[in-house]
């Protein structure tokens, strides 16, 4: 039951990452300008009329409307009269963004809904983890750490909205999501009873550590490139995709060149795995994901961002990190070929 809860939590976190990628692709990050509600609603509005002031209408405390391109928040529950009374409203002070787009709102809302579901799943996992404490004290310990980190992630998501999509906070938000993935995989691994059937070596082990580190850096670079693209979209619009990377900044070239290093390091891992007969089968998936990742990057640059190429690029990066980290965990438990060689001598 516990391991099933960990797997469900892991799946939901990846769904949140996918939803976040779609949010970025569609430019829906400010679809809900407040947090945790959406325009003051638990279930967001579907049309702009719901966010306009109306005479003789009941308003609830915290309800949001748009007046003169600014957000106004109802001070308390009341019924409006024939004319707009500013005394009934507070100005929203977190930021000055006040645009409604129904599609953007619901894309962001689904993203938040999946985030809430992942929170419930990890909370249940944490409660169940205390029954596993006799097996290992690390299970409830790291479950609690994961829950705390998820709460931090939720707060960080709120600050992303309040900052009107600050690039630094978006990058940190993505990296924290990957750390949660790593923690869930670690919990899944330490709660498993079977022994490792793999061998390892110092070269393989340290290269895997390096590969995981490189992937995190590459994701951070990628989010910065994505932010540059977002700025270009504001300048040229969604219809002028050919202009988004016509004159890319330095970070784009760093990100693109860095992918060569990522590929070389991971190919070296595959080579060592095969030459030393270590038996790690997932390394093939690792290389496949890297090739697919590079392919989606090429599509975006040379074919002007085909449909779904952007979210696929991010999701593949997250999957690659997960595969790499799981292989790393397997290598921690594997028998060292150096130790086996000494025993035979």
Protein backbone atom coordinates (compact mmCIF):
# COMPACT_ATOMS: atom_id res chain seq x y z
CA UNK A 1 0.00 0.00 0.00
CA UNK A 2 2.80 2.42 0.91
CA UNK A 3 4.83 1.78 -2.25
CA UNK A 4 1.67 2.26 -4.33
CA UNK A 5 1.15 5.66 -2.69
CA UNK A 6 4.74 6.62 -3.58
CA UNK A 7 4.20 5.59 -7.22
CA UNK A 8 0.94 7.56 -7.42
CA UNK A 9 2.69 10.61 -5.94
CA UNK A 10 5.50 10.29 -8.49
CA UNK A 11 3.06 10.02 -11.40
CA UNK A 12 1.15 13.07 -10.18
CA UNK A 13 4.33 15.13 -9.83
CA UNK A 14 5.21 14.29 -13.43
CA UNK A 15 1.69 15.27 -14.49
CA UNK A 16 2.21 18.60 -12.73
CA UNK A 17 5.47 19.06 -14.66
CA UNK A 18 3.64 18.27 -17.92
CA UNK A 19 0.85 20.70 -17.01
CA UNK A 20 3.45 23.35 -16.17
CA UNK A 21 5.05 22.83 -19.56
CA UNK A 22 1.68 23.36 -21.25
CA UNK A 23 1.19 26.52 -19.16
CA UNK A 24 4.51 27.86 -20.45
CA UNK A 25 3.75 26.84 -24.05
CA UNK A 26 0.37 28.61 -24.05
CA UNK A 27 1.54 31.64 -22.07
CA UNK A 28 -1.03 30.89 -19.36
CA UNK A 29 1.18 31.59 -16.35
CA UNK A 30 -0.94 34.56 -15.29
CA UNK A 31 -4.24 32.91 -16.18
CA UNK A 32 -5.06 33.07 -12.48
CA UNK A 33 -3.59 36.34 -11.18
CA UNK A 34 -4.25 35.52 -7.51
CA UNK A 35 -3.35 32.50 -5.37
CA UNK A 36 -4.54 29.98 -4.23
CA UNK A 37 -7.92 30.95 -5.67
CA UNK A 38 -8.47 32.07 -9.26
CA UNK A 39 -10.00 35.54 -9.54
CA UNK A 40 -11.30 34.92 -6.04
CA UNK A 41 -13.10 31.69 -7.06
CA UNK A 42 -12.39 28.09 -6.14
CA UNK A 43 -13.76 27.19 -9.59
CA UNK A 44 -12.64 29.94 -12.00
CA UNK A 45 -14.88 32.03 -14.25
CA UNK A 46 -15.54 30.97 -17.81
CA UNK A 47 -16.38 34.37 -19.32
CA UNK A 48 -15.30 37.95 -18.83
CA UNK A 49 -18.78 39.04 -17.78
CA UNK A 50 -18.24 37.28 -14.45
CA UNK A 51 -15.38 39.66 -13.72
CA UNK A 52 -17.25 42.86 -14.54
CA UNK A 53 -19.11 45.01 -12.06
CA UNK A 54 -22.90 44.70 -12.23
CA UNK A 55 -25.62 46.65 -10.48
CA UNK A 56 -27.88 44.87 -7.96
CA UNK A 57 -25.62 41.82 -7.75
CA UNK A 58 -24.54 39.82 -4.71
CA UNK A 59 -20.77 39.74 -4.13
CA UNK A 60 -18.89 37.55 -1.67
CA UNK A 61 -15.89 38.56 0.41
CA UNK A 62 -12.69 38.16 -1.60
CA UNK A 63 -14.45 38.12 -4.99
CA UNK A 64 -12.35 39.71 -7.73
CA UNK A 65 -13.52 41.98 -10.55
CA UNK A 66 -11.67 44.02 -13.16
CA UNK A 67 -12.28 47.78 -13.08
CA UNK A 68 -10.35 50.15 -15.35
CA UNK A 69 -7.78 47.43 -16.09
CA UNK A 70 -7.07 46.85 -12.38
CA UNK A 71 -8.10 44.07 -10.03
CA UNK A 72 -10.52 44.92 -7.26
CA UNK A 73 -11.24 42.62 -4.30
CA UNK A 74 -14.53 42.73 -2.38
CA UNK A 75 -13.96 43.77 1.25
CA UNK A 76 -16.96 41.80 2.52
CA UNK A 77 -20.19 40.19 1.42
CA UNK A 78 -22.60 42.78 0.01
CA UNK A 79 -25.14 43.57 -2.70
CA UNK A 80 -24.22 46.28 -5.17
CA UNK A 81 -26.43 49.32 -5.75
CA UNK A 82 -27.11 51.14 -9.00
CA UNK A 83 -23.64 52.72 -9.10
CA UNK A 84 -20.13 51.40 -8.47
CA UNK A 85 -19.00 52.21 -4.92
CA UNK A 86 -15.18 52.07 -4.51
CA UNK A 87 -15.61 51.87 -0.71
CA UNK A 88 -16.73 48.24 -1.12
CA UNK A 89 -13.49 47.24 -2.82
CA UNK A 90 -9.77 46.98 -2.15
CA UNK A 91 -7.18 47.21 -4.88
CA UNK A 92 -5.21 43.99 -5.42
CA UNK A 93 -1.70 44.87 -4.21
CA UNK A 94 0.44 41.87 -5.18
CA UNK A 95 0.86 43.08 -8.78
CA UNK A 96 -0.87 45.18 -11.45
CA UNK A 97 -1.67 42.42 -13.98
CA UNK A 98 -5.39 42.45 -14.79
CA UNK A 99 -6.14 40.52 -17.97
CA UNK A 100 -8.69 37.74 -18.41
CA UNK A 101 -8.34 35.01 -21.00
CA UNK A 102 -10.65 32.05 -20.43
CA UNK A 103 -8.33 29.50 -22.07
CA UNK A 104 -5.31 30.72 -20.11
CA UNK A 105 -7.30 30.72 -16.88
CA UNK A 106 -8.43 27.12 -17.23
CA UNK A 107 -5.01 25.85 -18.33
CA UNK A 108 -3.47 27.41 -15.21
CA UNK A 109 -6.36 26.17 -13.06
CA UNK A 110 -5.82 22.55 -14.21
CA UNK A 111 -2.13 22.96 -13.41
CA UNK A 112 -3.01 24.10 -9.88
CA UNK A 113 -5.59 21.34 -9.49
CA UNK A 114 -3.00 18.69 -10.34
CA UNK A 115 -0.64 20.36 -7.87
CA UNK A 116 -3.29 20.09 -5.15
CA UNK A 117 -3.90 16.41 -5.99
CA UNK A 118 -0.16 15.71 -5.77
CA UNK A 119 -0.17 17.41 -2.37
CA UNK A 120 -2.96 15.14 -1.13
CA UNK A 121 -1.15 12.08 -2.49
CA UNK A 122 2.13 13.01 -0.78
CA UNK A 123 0.30 13.76 2.47
CA UNK A 124 -1.29 10.28 2.39
CA UNK A 125 2.12 8.79 1.54
CA UNK A 126 3.67 10.58 4.51
CA UNK A 127 0.99 9.29 6.90
CA UNK A 128 1.45 5.73 5.61
CA UNK A 129 5.24 6.05 5.87
CA UNK A 130 5.17 5.93 9.67
CA UNK A 131 4.03 2.31 9.47
CA UNK A 132 7.30 1.62 7.62
CA UNK A 133 9.55 3.05 10.34
CA UNK A 134 10.53 -0.41 11.64
CA UNK A 135 11.85 -1.30 8.18
CA UNK A 136 13.89 1.91 7.99
CA UNK A 137 13.68 5.23 9.84
CA UNK A 138 14.68 6.88 6.55
CA UNK A 139 11.26 6.13 5.02
CA UNK A 140 9.18 8.43 7.29
CA UNK A 141 12.08 10.90 7.54
CA UNK A 142 12.35 11.46 3.79
CA UNK A 143 8.57 11.32 3.38
CA UNK A 144 8.24 14.25 5.79
CA UNK A 145 11.06 16.09 3.98
CA UNK A 146 9.21 15.55 0.68
CA UNK A 147 5.97 16.90 2.15
CA UNK A 148 7.73 19.98 3.55
CA UNK A 149 9.44 20.57 0.21
CA UNK A 150 6.09 20.29 -1.58
CA UNK A 151 4.64 22.94 0.74
CA UNK A 152 7.63 25.13 -0.09
CA UNK A 153 6.95 24.43 -3.78
CA UNK A 154 3.35 25.57 -3.35
CA UNK A 155 4.53 28.80 -1.69
CA UNK A 156 7.08 29.25 -4.44
CA UNK A 157 4.33 28.84 -7.03
CA UNK A 158 2.45 31.67 -5.34
CA UNK A 159 5.52 33.92 -5.48
CA UNK A 160 5.90 33.13 -9.20
CA UNK A 161 2.41 34.57 -9.73
CA UNK A 162 2.99 37.54 -7.39
CA UNK A 163 6.22 38.38 -9.25
CA UNK A 164 4.39 38.18 -12.61
CA UNK A 165 6.52 35.20 -13.72
CA UNK A 166 9.99 36.14 -12.48
CA UNK A 167 12.56 34.09 -14.51
CA UNK A 168 14.63 33.23 -11.41
CA UNK A 169 11.60 31.97 -9.51
CA UNK A 170 10.36 29.94 -12.49
CA UNK A 171 13.78 28.26 -12.71
CA UNK A 172 13.81 27.53 -8.98
CA UNK A 173 10.23 26.24 -9.22
CA UNK A 174 11.28 23.71 -11.89
CA UNK A 175 14.40 22.60 -10.02
CA UNK A 176 12.44 22.02 -6.81
CA UNK A 177 9.99 19.84 -8.78
CA UNK A 178 12.93 17.69 -9.95
CA UNK A 179 14.25 17.44 -6.38
CA UNK A 180 10.81 16.16 -5.31
CA UNK A 181 11.02 13.58 -8.11
CA UNK A 182 14.43 12.50 -6.79
CA UNK A 183 13.14 12.21 -3.22
CA UNK A 184 10.17 10.10 -4.27
CA UNK A 185 12.43 7.78 -6.25
CA UNK A 186 14.74 7.47 -3.25
CA UNK A 187 11.80 6.63 -0.97
CA UNK A 188 10.58 4.06 -3.49
CA UNK A 189 14.05 2.52 -3.61
CA UNK A 190 14.63 2.23 0.15
CA UNK A 191 11.18 0.74 0.63
CA UNK A 192 12.00 -2.08 -1.81
CA UNK A 193 12.99 -5.45 -0.35
CA UNK A 194 14.83 -7.11 -3.23
CA UNK A 195 18.63 -6.99 -3.52
CA UNK A 196 20.49 -5.37 -6.38
CA UNK A 197 21.37 -7.60 -9.35
CA UNK A 198 23.81 -5.07 -10.82
CA UNK A 199 27.52 -4.45 -10.53
CA UNK A 200 29.13 -1.03 -10.52
CA UNK A 201 32.50 0.68 -10.66
CA UNK A 202 33.91 3.96 -9.41
CA UNK A 203 34.06 5.33 -12.96
CA UNK A 204 30.41 4.46 -13.62
CA UNK A 205 29.26 5.72 -10.24
CA UNK A 206 30.98 9.11 -10.45
CA UNK A 207 29.99 9.63 -14.07
CA UNK A 208 26.34 9.03 -13.11
CA UNK A 209 26.65 11.64 -10.35
CA UNK A 210 28.14 14.04 -12.89
CA UNK A 211 25.40 13.26 -15.43
CA UNK A 212 22.63 14.01 -12.91
CA UNK A 213 24.36 17.28 -12.01
CA UNK A 214 24.70 18.22 -15.69
CA UNK A 215 21.01 17.55 -16.30
CA UNK A 216 20.00 19.91 -13.48
CA UNK A 217 22.25 22.64 -14.90
CA UNK A 218 20.89 22.07 -18.40
CA UNK A 219 17.30 22.36 -17.15
CA UNK A 220 18.21 25.64 -15.43
CA UNK A 221 19.75 26.93 -18.67
CA UNK A 222 16.68 25.78 -20.58
CA UNK A 223 14.28 27.71 -18.36
CA UNK A 224 16.34 30.85 -18.97
CA UNK A 225 16.15 30.30 -22.74
CA UNK A 226 12.43 29.77 -22.37
CA UNK A 227 12.16 33.10 -20.56
CA UNK A 228 13.94 34.80 -23.48
CA UNK A 229 11.41 33.21 -25.85
CA UNK A 230 8.56 34.50 -23.65
CA UNK A 231 9.96 38.01 -23.95
CA UNK A 232 10.18 37.64 -27.73
CA UNK A 233 6.56 36.48 -27.83
CA UNK A 234 5.54 39.70 -26.07
CA UNK A 235 7.40 41.71 -28.72
CA UNK A 236 6.41 39.83 -31.90
CA UNK A 237 3.25 37.95 -30.85
CA UNK A 238 2.33 34.25 -31.10
CA UNK A 239 1.83 34.35 -34.86
CA UNK A 240 5.45 35.38 -35.60
CA UNK A 241 7.19 32.20 -34.39
CA UNK A 242 10.00 32.61 -36.91
CA UNK A 243 11.11 35.75 -35.06
CA UNK A 244 11.33 34.21 -31.57
CA UNK A 245 14.87 32.84 -32.04
CA UNK A 246 15.98 34.89 -35.02
CA UNK A 247 18.49 36.72 -32.85
CA UNK A 248 19.00 34.51 -29.76
CA UNK A 249 20.92 35.63 -26.69
CA UNK A 250 24.13 34.10 -25.30
CA UNK A 251 22.25 31.73 -22.98
CA UNK A 252 20.71 29.99 -25.99
CA UNK A 253 24.13 29.14 -27.42
CA UNK A 254 25.36 28.01 -23.98
CA UNK A 255 22.31 25.76 -23.62
CA UNK A 256 22.75 24.31 -27.12
CA UNK A 257 26.49 23.71 -26.72
CA UNK A 258 26.02 22.24 -23.26
CA UNK A 259 23.83 19.52 -24.79
CA UNK A 260 26.93 18.16 -26.55
CA UNK A 261 28.67 17.71 -23.18
CA UNK A 262 25.56 16.02 -21.78
CA UNK A 263 25.49 13.59 -24.70
CA UNK A 264 29.24 12.80 -24.45
CA UNK A 265 29.07 12.09 -20.71
CA UNK A 266 26.04 9.84 -21.09
CA UNK A 267 27.61 7.98 -24.01
CA UNK A 268 30.65 7.39 -21.79
CA UNK A 269 28.31 5.89 -19.19
CA UNK A 270 26.84 3.54 -21.80
CA UNK A 271 30.34 2.55 -22.93
CA UNK A 272 31.50 1.75 -19.37
CA UNK A 273 28.30 -0.16 -18.64
CA UNK A 274 28.83 -2.36 -21.70
CA UNK A 275 32.60 -2.78 -21.42
CA UNK A 276 32.54 -3.72 -17.73
CA UNK A 277 29.36 -5.79 -18.01
CA UNK A 278 27.57 -3.86 -15.25
CA UNK A 279 24.09 -4.75 -16.53
CA UNK A 280 22.26 -1.40 -16.17
CA UNK A 281 19.54 -1.72 -18.80
CA UNK A 282 18.02 1.72 -18.28
CA UNK A 283 21.07 3.42 -19.80
CA UNK A 284 19.54 2.70 -23.22
CA UNK A 285 16.47 4.71 -22.25
CA UNK A 286 18.78 7.46 -21.06
CA UNK A 287 20.44 7.81 -24.46
CA UNK A 288 17.10 7.54 -26.26
CA UNK A 289 15.69 10.41 -24.20
CA UNK A 290 18.76 12.57 -24.86
CA UNK A 291 18.49 12.00 -28.62
CA UNK A 292 14.77 12.81 -28.53
CA UNK A 293 15.53 15.91 -26.43
CA UNK A 294 18.08 17.16 -28.95
CA UNK A 295 15.62 16.40 -31.76
CA UNK A 296 12.86 18.54 -30.20
CA UNK A 297 15.39 21.33 -29.70
CA UNK A 298 16.30 21.17 -33.39
CA UNK A 299 12.60 21.26 -34.33
CA UNK A 300 12.02 24.40 -32.27
CA UNK A 301 14.99 26.26 -33.73
CA UNK A 302 14.82 25.24 -37.39
CA UNK A 303 11.07 24.64 -37.83
CA UNK A 304 9.79 27.55 -35.71
CA UNK A 305 8.35 25.76 -32.70
CA UNK A 306 6.02 23.07 -34.09
CA UNK A 307 2.97 22.20 -31.99
CA UNK A 308 3.86 20.46 -28.68
CA UNK A 309 7.61 20.72 -29.29
CA UNK A 310 8.05 23.08 -26.32
CA UNK A 311 6.27 21.03 -23.63
CA UNK A 312 7.82 17.81 -25.01
CA UNK A 313 11.28 19.35 -24.69
CA UNK A 314 10.71 20.12 -21.00
CA UNK A 315 8.95 16.86 -20.15
CA UNK A 316 11.69 14.78 -21.80
CA UNK A 317 14.28 16.65 -19.72
CA UNK A 318 12.34 15.81 -16.55
CA UNK A 319 12.03 12.15 -17.58
CA UNK A 320 15.76 12.02 -18.38
CA UNK A 321 16.60 13.34 -14.93
CA UNK A 322 14.31 10.73 -13.36
CA UNK A 323 15.91 7.86 -15.31
CA UNK A 324 19.42 9.08 -14.52
CA UNK A 325 18.69 9.46 -10.83
CA UNK A 326 17.12 6.00 -10.64
CA UNK A 327 20.21 4.47 -12.29
CA UNK A 328 22.34 6.37 -9.77
CA UNK A 329 20.32 4.87 -6.92
CA UNK A 330 20.79 1.42 -8.44
CA UNK A 331 24.54 2.01 -8.61
CA UNK A 332 24.63 2.89 -4.89
CA UNK A 333 23.25 -0.57 -4.06
CA UNK A 334 25.19 -2.49 -6.69
CA UNK A 335 28.29 -4.55 -5.94
CA UNK A 336 31.55 -2.83 -6.81
CA UNK A 337 33.54 -4.63 -9.48
CA UNK A 338 36.70 -3.37 -7.76
CA UNK A 339 35.64 -5.06 -4.50
CA UNK A 340 34.73 -8.28 -6.29
CA UNK A 341 38.15 -8.29 -7.98
CA UNK A 342 39.94 -7.90 -4.62
CA UNK A 343 37.92 -10.77 -3.08
CA UNK A 344 38.87 -13.07 -5.97
CA UNK A 345 42.54 -12.22 -5.48
